[in-house]
Amino acid sequence: MITIPQLNKYSLVFPHPNDANEEGILAWGGDLNPSRLIRAYQEGIFPWYAKDDPILWWSPDPRFILELDEFKLSRSLRKSIKKFTYKFDTNFDAVIQACATTPRKDQQGTWILPEMIEAFKTLHDMGFAHSVESYYDGELVGGLYGVSIGGVFCGESMFSHKSDASKAAFYVLIEHLKLWGYDFVDAQVYTPHLASLGAKEIPREEFLKRLYNVRFQALSHRWEYML
């Protein structure tokens, strides 16, 4: 049995991602300090835990990613995309709040806890976390947020208050990531929703190799809607 180590609160060092247990849990404890979060994403690690649990840090095997050229654009989604207008980083706070509070089928509660919201808002202020927003008649109706690390966008969560609003925002994100020179989207763990859009599982070793090749890549662009 693998003993899950506790992080040293005075150190930003994580165990190697390959040391995670069979569930994908690598460590527990520490805090959501921006420096620790950035270090985690650079190492291929992310936080994910429930209310009243300690902070859990994950490195699952296999890993779920989306190749930018493998997004599945259905005919119905192609039509829906034209219904909305889009913005980047205009309403990050509202997007993350909506992701935390929008009910989801077969899911009780949320992992996007108040301290997670504050941590990601700080990452947004620092230029690491970003939102993609879909609007209908001027109203925010869908979107997503995540963390940009070098040439990888680490998707965190999405929400939709109107059919296809989050899918359309995701498509818009993918098209911009292509323009800006990103390599792939880290979708973390399998979901049928993202699988239907083209995401796939790859071995953790392959994921880490690709991440490490581009995690310090300097991409010069503004997070602005360009299409």
C-alpha atoms as a PDB file:
ATOM      1  CA  MET A   1       0.000   0.000   0.000  1.00  0.00           C
ATOM      2  CA  ILE A   2       1.332   3.435  -0.972  1.00  0.00           C
ATOM      3  CA  THR A   3       1.328   5.967   1.861  1.00  0.00           C
ATOM      4  CA  ILE A   4       0.170   9.358   0.608  1.00  0.00           C
ATOM      5  CA  PRO A   5       2.745  11.941   1.767  1.00  0.00           C
ATOM      6  CA  GLN A   6       1.855  15.254   3.372  1.00  0.00           C
ATOM      7  CA  LEU A   7       3.356  18.346   1.789  1.00  0.00           C
ATOM      8  CA  ASN A   8       5.769  20.477   3.784  1.00  0.00           C
ATOM      9  CA  LYS A   9       4.096  23.860   4.279  1.00  0.00           C
ATOM     10  CA  TYR A  10       7.493  25.571   4.100  1.00  0.00           C
ATOM     11  CA  SER A  11       8.440  23.985   0.766  1.00  0.00           C
ATOM     12  CA  LEU A  12       6.959  24.059  -2.730  1.00  0.00           C
ATOM     13  CA  VAL A  13       8.491  20.685  -3.626  1.00  0.00           C
ATOM     14  CA  PHE A  14       6.087  17.933  -4.732  1.00  0.00           C
ATOM     15  CA  PRO A  15       6.745  14.202  -4.973  1.00  0.00           C
ATOM     16  CA  HIS A  16       7.373  13.018  -8.532  1.00  0.00           C
ATOM     17  CA  PRO A  17       4.075  12.732 -10.429  1.00  0.00           C
ATOM     18  CA  ASN A  18       4.755   9.047 -11.102  1.00  0.00           C
ATOM     19  CA  ASP A  19       4.613   8.374  -7.343  1.00  0.00           C
ATOM     20  CA  ALA A  20       0.821   8.847  -7.216  1.00  0.00           C
ATOM     21  CA  ASN A  21      -1.265   5.934  -5.960  1.00  0.00           C
ATOM     22  CA  GLU A  22      -3.606   3.889  -8.184  1.00  0.00           C
ATOM     23  CA  GLU A  23      -6.369   6.470  -7.795  1.00  0.00           C
ATOM     24  CA  GLY A  24      -4.025   9.219  -8.937  1.00  0.00           C
ATOM     25  CA  ILE A  25      -3.570  10.910  -5.549  1.00  0.00           C
ATOM     26  CA  LEU A  26      -0.006  12.147  -5.161  1.00  0.00           C
ATOM     27  CA  ALA A  27       0.010  14.118  -1.895  1.00  0.00           C
ATOM     28  CA  TRP A  28      -2.156  16.003   0.555  1.00  0.00           C
ATOM     29  CA  GLY A  29      -1.917  19.195   2.582  1.00  0.00           C
ATOM     30  CA  GLY A  30       0.044  22.327   1.864  1.00  0.00           C
ATOM     31  CA  ASP A  31      -1.978  25.321   0.724  1.00  0.00           C
ATOM     32  CA  LEU A  32      -3.309  27.060  -2.379  1.00  0.00           C
ATOM     33  CA  ASN A  33      -0.590  29.686  -2.463  1.00  0.00           C
ATOM     34  CA  PRO A  34      -0.203  30.943  -6.055  1.00  0.00           C
ATOM     35  CA  SER A  35       3.450  29.881  -6.173  1.00  0.00           C
ATOM     36  CA  ARG A  36       2.516  26.350  -5.113  1.00  0.00           C
ATOM     37  CA  LEU A  37      -0.319  26.191  -7.651  1.00  0.00           C
ATOM     38  CA  ILE A  38       1.877  27.358 -10.521  1.00  0.00           C
ATOM     39  CA  ARG A  39       4.585  24.876  -9.516  1.00  0.00           C
ATOM     40  CA  ALA A  40       1.970  22.106  -9.401  1.00  0.00           C
ATOM     41  CA  TYR A  41       0.670  22.795 -12.898  1.00  0.00           C
ATOM     42  CA  GLN A  42       4.215  23.010 -14.243  1.00  0.00           C
ATOM     43  CA  GLU A  43       4.794  19.521 -12.812  1.00  0.00           C
ATOM     44  CA  GLY A  44       1.546  18.091 -14.186  1.00  0.00           C
ATOM     45  CA  ILE A  45      -0.219  18.110 -10.804  1.00  0.00           C
ATOM     46  CA  PHE A  46      -3.557  19.684  -9.872  1.00  0.00           C
ATOM     47  CA  PRO A  47      -5.674  20.163  -6.704  1.00  0.00           C
ATOM     48  CA  TRP A  48      -9.063  18.502  -6.412  1.00  0.00           C
ATOM     49  CA  TYR A  49     -10.890  17.865  -3.158  1.00  0.00           C
ATOM     50  CA  ALA A  50     -14.273  18.097  -1.458  1.00  0.00           C
ATOM     51  CA  LYS A  51     -15.541  20.222   1.402  1.00  0.00           C
ATOM     52  CA  ASP A  52     -14.138  19.179   4.811  1.00  0.00           C
ATOM     53  CA  ASP A  53     -11.359  17.146   3.134  1.00  0.00           C
ATOM     54  CA  PRO A  54      -7.684  18.158   3.188  1.00  0.00           C
ATOM     55  CA  ILE A  55      -6.263  19.566  -0.040  1.00  0.00           C
ATOM     56  CA  LEU A  56      -5.538  16.611  -2.328  1.00  0.00           C
ATOM     57  CA  TRP A  57      -3.021  16.821  -5.171  1.00  0.00           C
ATOM     58  CA  TRP A  58      -3.517  14.588  -8.199  1.00  0.00           C
ATOM     59  CA  SER A  59      -1.464  13.059 -10.994  1.00  0.00           C
ATOM     60  CA  PRO A  60      -3.750  10.468 -12.640  1.00  0.00           C
ATOM     61  CA  ASP A  61      -2.707   7.744 -15.054  1.00  0.00           C
ATOM     62  CA  PRO A  62      -3.933   7.795 -17.772  1.00  0.00           C
ATOM     63  CA  ARG A  63      -4.271  11.501 -18.396  1.00  0.00           C
ATOM     64  CA  PHE A  64      -7.083  13.070 -20.411  1.00  0.00           C
ATOM     65  CA  ILE A  65      -6.082  15.588 -23.098  1.00  0.00           C
ATOM     66  CA  LEU A  66      -7.443  17.224 -26.218  1.00  0.00           C
ATOM     67  CA  GLU A  67      -5.247  17.597 -29.274  1.00  0.00           C
ATOM     68  CA  LEU A  68      -6.058  20.949 -30.816  1.00  0.00           C
ATOM     69  CA  ASP A  69      -6.632  19.453 -34.277  1.00  0.00           C
ATOM     70  CA  GLU A  70      -8.939  16.726 -32.941  1.00  0.00           C
ATOM     71  CA  PHE A  71     -11.823  18.847 -31.666  1.00  0.00           C
ATOM     72  CA  LYS A  72     -15.061  17.333 -32.976  1.00  0.00           C
ATOM     73  CA  LEU A  73     -17.198  20.104 -34.429  1.00  0.00           C
ATOM     74  CA  SER A  74     -20.672  18.733 -35.121  1.00  0.00           C
ATOM     75  CA  ARG A  75     -23.041  20.358 -37.583  1.00  0.00           C
ATOM     76  CA  SER A  76     -25.391  21.329 -34.764  1.00  0.00           C
ATOM     77  CA  LEU A  77     -22.572  22.958 -32.783  1.00  0.00           C
ATOM     78  CA  ARG A  78     -21.384  24.781 -35.899  1.00  0.00           C
ATOM     79  CA  LYS A  79     -24.837  26.365 -36.090  1.00  0.00           C
ATOM     80  CA  SER A  80     -24.947  27.130 -32.366  1.00  0.00           C
ATOM     81  CA  ILE A  81     -21.601  28.948 -32.443  1.00  0.00           C
ATOM     82  CA  LYS A  82     -23.213  31.689 -34.532  1.00  0.00           C
ATOM     83  CA  LYS A  83     -25.816  32.375 -31.818  1.00  0.00           C
ATOM     84  CA  PHE A  84     -23.345  33.735 -29.293  1.00  0.00           C
ATOM     85  CA  THR A  85     -20.788  36.489 -28.920  1.00  0.00           C
ATOM     86  CA  TYR A  86     -17.525  35.807 -27.098  1.00  0.00           C
ATOM     87  CA  LYS A  87     -15.077  37.506 -24.790  1.00  0.00           C
ATOM     88  CA  PHE A  88     -11.928  36.485 -22.943  1.00  0.00           C
ATOM     89  CA  ASP A  89     -11.063  37.494 -19.376  1.00  0.00           C
ATOM     90  CA  THR A  90     -13.887  40.035 -19.190  1.00  0.00           C
ATOM     91  CA  ASN A  91     -15.871  38.405 -16.388  1.00  0.00           C
ATOM     92  CA  PHE A  92     -13.617  35.809 -14.758  1.00  0.00           C
ATOM     93  CA  ASP A  93     -15.261  36.101 -11.336  1.00  0.00           C
ATOM     94  CA  ALA A  94     -18.735  35.439 -12.738  1.00  0.00           C
ATOM     95  CA  VAL A  95     -17.497  32.468 -14.769  1.00  0.00           C
ATOM     96  CA  ILE A  96     -15.849  30.699 -11.849  1.00  0.00           C
ATOM     97  CA  GLN A  97     -18.829  31.409  -9.605  1.00  0.00           C
ATOM     98  CA  ALA A  98     -21.165  29.969 -12.228  1.00  0.00           C
ATOM     99  CA  CYS A  99     -18.958  26.890 -12.587  1.00  0.00           C
ATOM    100  CA  ALA A 100     -19.174  26.407  -8.818  1.00  0.00           C
ATOM    101  CA  THR A 101     -22.945  26.877  -8.505  1.00  0.00           C
ATOM    102  CA  THR A 102     -24.498  25.521 -11.724  1.00  0.00           C
ATOM    103  CA  PRO A 103     -26.189  22.156 -10.967  1.00  0.00           C
ATOM    104  CA  ARG A 104     -24.721  19.159 -12.778  1.00  0.00           C
ATOM    105  CA  LYS A 105     -26.333  15.843 -13.557  1.00  0.00           C
ATOM    106  CA  ASP A 106     -25.311  13.037 -11.173  1.00  0.00           C
ATOM    107  CA  GLN A 107     -23.118  15.385  -9.110  1.00  0.00           C
ATOM    108  CA  GLN A 108     -23.735  16.462  -5.541  1.00  0.00           C
ATOM    109  CA  GLY A 109     -22.066  19.679  -4.402  1.00  0.00           C
ATOM    110  CA  THR A 110     -18.918  21.137  -5.926  1.00  0.00           C
ATOM    111  CA  TRP A 111     -15.152  20.887  -5.617  1.00  0.00           C
ATOM    112  CA  ILE A 112     -14.850  24.597  -6.506  1.00  0.00           C
ATOM    113  CA  LEU A 113     -14.816  25.731  -2.895  1.00  0.00           C
ATOM    114  CA  PRO A 114     -14.509  29.361  -1.720  1.00  0.00           C
ATOM    115  CA  GLU A 115     -10.765  29.006  -1.097  1.00  0.00           C
ATOM    116  CA  MET A 116     -10.319  27.536  -4.593  1.00  0.00           C
ATOM    117  CA  ILE A 117     -12.233  30.451  -6.082  1.00  0.00           C
ATOM    118  CA  GLU A 118     -10.026  32.963  -4.274  1.00  0.00           C
ATOM    119  CA  ALA A 119      -6.873  31.113  -5.330  1.00  0.00           C
ATOM    120  CA  PHE A 120      -7.835  31.039  -9.005  1.00  0.00           C
ATOM    121  CA  LYS A 121      -8.937  34.664  -8.917  1.00  0.00           C
ATOM    122  CA  THR A 122      -5.434  35.467  -7.707  1.00  0.00           C
ATOM    123  CA  LEU A 123      -3.948  33.407 -10.557  1.00  0.00           C
ATOM    124  CA  HIS A 124      -6.180  35.373 -12.914  1.00  0.00           C
ATOM    125  CA  ASP A 125      -4.885  38.659 -11.524  1.00  0.00           C
ATOM    126  CA  MET A 126      -1.354  37.333 -12.090  1.00  0.00           C
ATOM    127  CA  GLY A 127      -2.102  36.441 -15.720  1.00  0.00           C
ATOM    128  CA  PHE A 128      -2.107  32.647 -15.384  1.00  0.00           C
ATOM    129  CA  ALA A 129      -5.838  31.827 -15.123  1.00  0.00           C
ATOM    130  CA  HIS A 130      -8.205  32.818 -17.912  1.00  0.00           C
ATOM    131  CA  SER A 131     -11.881  32.701 -18.787  1.00  0.00           C
ATOM    132  CA  VAL A 132     -13.682  32.249 -22.093  1.00  0.00           C
ATOM    133  CA  GLU A 133     -17.228  33.619 -22.068  1.00  0.00           C
ATOM    134  CA  SER A 134     -20.299  33.103 -24.247  1.00  0.00           C
ATOM    135  CA  TYR A 135     -22.956  35.844 -24.332  1.00  0.00           C
ATOM    136  CA  TYR A 136     -26.506  35.800 -25.679  1.00  0.00           C
ATOM    137  CA  ASP A 137     -28.252  39.156 -26.052  1.00  0.00           C
ATOM    138  CA  GLY A 138     -25.558  40.629 -23.816  1.00  0.00           C
ATOM    139  CA  GLU A 139     -26.064  38.095 -21.011  1.00  0.00           C
ATOM    140  CA  LEU A 140     -23.358  35.685 -19.854  1.00  0.00           C
ATOM    141  CA  VAL A 141     -24.809  32.232 -20.592  1.00  0.00           C
ATOM    142  CA  GLY A 142     -21.800  29.933 -20.659  1.00  0.00           C
ATOM    143  CA  GLY A 143     -18.060  29.664 -20.466  1.00  0.00           C
ATOM    144  CA  LEU A 144     -15.029  28.019 -18.979  1.00  0.00           C
ATOM    145  CA  TYR A 145     -11.844  28.804 -17.097  1.00  0.00           C
ATOM    146  CA  GLY A 146      -8.422  27.269 -16.768  1.00  0.00           C
ATOM    147  CA  VAL A 147      -4.722  27.849 -16.290  1.00  0.00           C
ATOM    148  CA  SER A 148      -2.201  28.671 -19.005  1.00  0.00           C
ATOM    149  CA  ILE A 149       1.190  27.032 -18.437  1.00  0.00           C
ATOM    150  CA  GLY A 150       3.667  27.583 -21.254  1.00  0.00           C
ATOM    151  CA  GLY A 151       2.229  25.865 -24.321  1.00  0.00           C
ATOM    152  CA  VAL A 152      -0.525  24.012 -22.462  1.00  0.00           C
ATOM    153  CA  PHE A 153      -3.959  25.193 -21.382  1.00  0.00           C
ATOM    154  CA  CYS A 154      -5.135  23.310 -18.290  1.00  0.00           C
ATOM    155  CA  GLY A 155      -8.923  23.285 -18.359  1.00  0.00           C
ATOM    156  CA  GLU A 156     -10.621  23.436 -14.974  1.00  0.00           C
ATOM    157  CA  SER A 157     -14.385  23.729 -15.366  1.00  0.00           C
ATOM    158  CA  MET A 158     -17.173  24.957 -17.634  1.00  0.00           C
ATOM    159  CA  PHE A 159     -20.819  25.885 -17.280  1.00  0.00           C
ATOM    160  CA  SER A 160     -23.790  26.426 -19.550  1.00  0.00           C
ATOM    161  CA  HIS A 161     -27.069  28.214 -18.949  1.00  0.00           C
ATOM    162  CA  LYS A 162     -28.103  27.900 -22.608  1.00  0.00           C
ATOM    163  CA  SER A 163     -27.728  24.900 -24.888  1.00  0.00           C
ATOM    164  CA  ASP A 164     -24.226  24.602 -26.414  1.00  0.00           C
ATOM    165  CA  ALA A 165     -22.963  27.808 -24.744  1.00  0.00           C
ATOM    166  CA  SER A 166     -20.009  26.102 -23.038  1.00  0.00           C
ATOM    167  CA  LYS A 167     -19.219  23.878 -26.037  1.00  0.00           C
ATOM    168  CA  ALA A 168     -19.148  26.952 -28.253  1.00  0.00           C
ATOM    169  CA  ALA A 169     -16.816  28.732 -25.821  1.00  0.00           C
ATOM    170  CA  PHE A 170     -14.552  25.674 -25.817  1.00  0.00           C
ATOM    171  CA  TYR A 171     -14.438  25.653 -29.617  1.00  0.00           C
ATOM    172  CA  VAL A 172     -13.552  29.351 -29.631  1.00  0.00           C
ATOM    173  CA  LEU A 173     -10.772  28.667 -27.129  1.00  0.00           C
ATOM    174  CA  ILE A 174      -9.355  25.834 -29.251  1.00  0.00           C
ATOM    175  CA  GLU A 175      -9.268  28.011 -32.367  1.00  0.00           C
ATOM    176  CA  HIS A 176      -7.370  30.717 -30.502  1.00  0.00           C
ATOM    177  CA  LEU A 177      -4.931  28.245 -28.940  1.00  0.00           C
ATOM    178  CA  LYS A 178      -4.079  27.086 -32.460  1.00  0.00           C
ATOM    179  CA  LEU A 179      -3.439  30.671 -33.569  1.00  0.00           C
ATOM    180  CA  TRP A 180      -1.273  31.353 -30.529  1.00  0.00           C
ATOM    181  CA  GLY A 181       0.902  28.248 -30.873  1.00  0.00           C
ATOM    182  CA  TYR A 182      -0.268  26.085 -27.974  1.00  0.00           C
ATOM    183  CA  ASP A 183       0.369  22.343 -28.003  1.00  0.00           C
ATOM    184  CA  PHE A 184      -2.674  20.757 -26.337  1.00  0.00           C
ATOM    185  CA  VAL A 185      -5.372  21.097 -23.662  1.00  0.00           C
ATOM    186  CA  ASP A 186      -4.980  19.210 -20.389  1.00  0.00           C
ATOM    187  CA  ALA A 187      -8.485  17.995 -19.498  1.00  0.00           C
ATOM    188  CA  GLN A 188      -7.158  16.085 -16.442  1.00  0.00           C
ATOM    189  CA  VAL A 189      -9.579  13.148 -16.059  1.00  0.00           C
ATOM    190  CA  TYR A 190     -12.039  11.411 -18.377  1.00  0.00           C
ATOM    191  CA  THR A 191     -15.542  12.785 -18.827  1.00  0.00           C
ATOM    192  CA  PRO A 192     -18.028  11.595 -21.470  1.00  0.00           C
ATOM    193  CA  HIS A 193     -18.789  15.235 -22.308  1.00  0.00           C
ATOM    194  CA  LEU A 194     -15.216  16.079 -23.303  1.00  0.00           C
ATOM    195  CA  ALA A 195     -14.704  12.681 -24.937  1.00  0.00           C
ATOM    196  CA  SER A 196     -17.609  13.542 -27.238  1.00  0.00           C
ATOM    197  CA  LEU A 197     -15.672  16.667 -28.249  1.00  0.00           C
ATOM    198  CA  GLY A 198     -12.539  14.701 -29.117  1.00  0.00           C
ATOM    199  CA  ALA A 199     -10.552  14.427 -25.885  1.00  0.00           C
ATOM    200  CA  LYS A 200      -8.658  11.174 -25.290  1.00  0.00           C
ATOM    201  CA  GLU A 201      -6.657   9.362 -22.636  1.00  0.00           C
ATOM    202  CA  ILE A 202      -2.883   8.994 -22.923  1.00  0.00           C
ATOM    203  CA  PRO A 203      -0.333   7.384 -20.567  1.00  0.00           C
ATOM    204  CA  ARG A 204       0.915   9.682 -17.808  1.00  0.00           C
ATOM    205  CA  GLU A 205       4.518   9.228 -18.995  1.00  0.00           C
ATOM    206  CA  GLU A 206       3.588  10.550 -22.433  1.00  0.00           C
ATOM    207  CA  PHE A 207       1.630  13.429 -20.906  1.00  0.00           C
ATOM    208  CA  LEU A 208       4.528  14.465 -18.674  1.00  0.00           C
ATOM    209  CA  LYS A 209       7.030  14.286 -21.522  1.00  0.00           C
ATOM    210  CA  ARG A 210       4.891  16.564 -23.674  1.00  0.00           C
ATOM    211  CA  LEU A 211       4.159  18.950 -20.799  1.00  0.00           C
ATOM    212  CA  TYR A 212       7.823  19.224 -19.825  1.00  0.00           C
ATOM    213  CA  ASN A 213       8.732  20.069 -23.425  1.00  0.00           C
ATOM    214  CA  VAL A 214       6.490  23.151 -23.493  1.00  0.00           C
ATOM    215  CA  ARG A 215       5.796  24.183 -19.881  1.00  0.00           C
ATOM    216  CA  PHE A 216       8.251  27.085 -20.002  1.00  0.00           C
ATOM    217  CA  GLN A 217       7.479  28.059 -23.596  1.00  0.00           C
ATOM    218  CA  ALA A 218       7.057  31.822 -23.893  1.00  0.00           C
ATOM    219  CA  LEU A 219       4.034  32.567 -26.066  1.00  0.00           C
ATOM    220  CA  SER A 220       3.526  36.228 -26.867  1.00  0.00           C
ATOM    221  CA  HIS A 221      -0.158  37.021 -27.282  1.00  0.00           C
ATOM    222  CA  ARG A 222      -3.034  38.812 -25.616  1.00  0.00           C
ATOM    223  CA  TRP A 223      -6.067  36.995 -24.270  1.00  0.00           C
ATOM    224  CA  GLU A 224      -8.440  38.760 -26.610  1.00  0.00           C
ATOM    225  CA  TYR A 225     -11.146  37.419 -28.909  1.00  0.00           C
ATOM    226  CA  MET A 226      -9.822  37.552 -32.491  1.00  0.00           C
ATOM    227  CA  LEU A 227     -12.102  35.435 -34.722  1.00  0.00           C
END
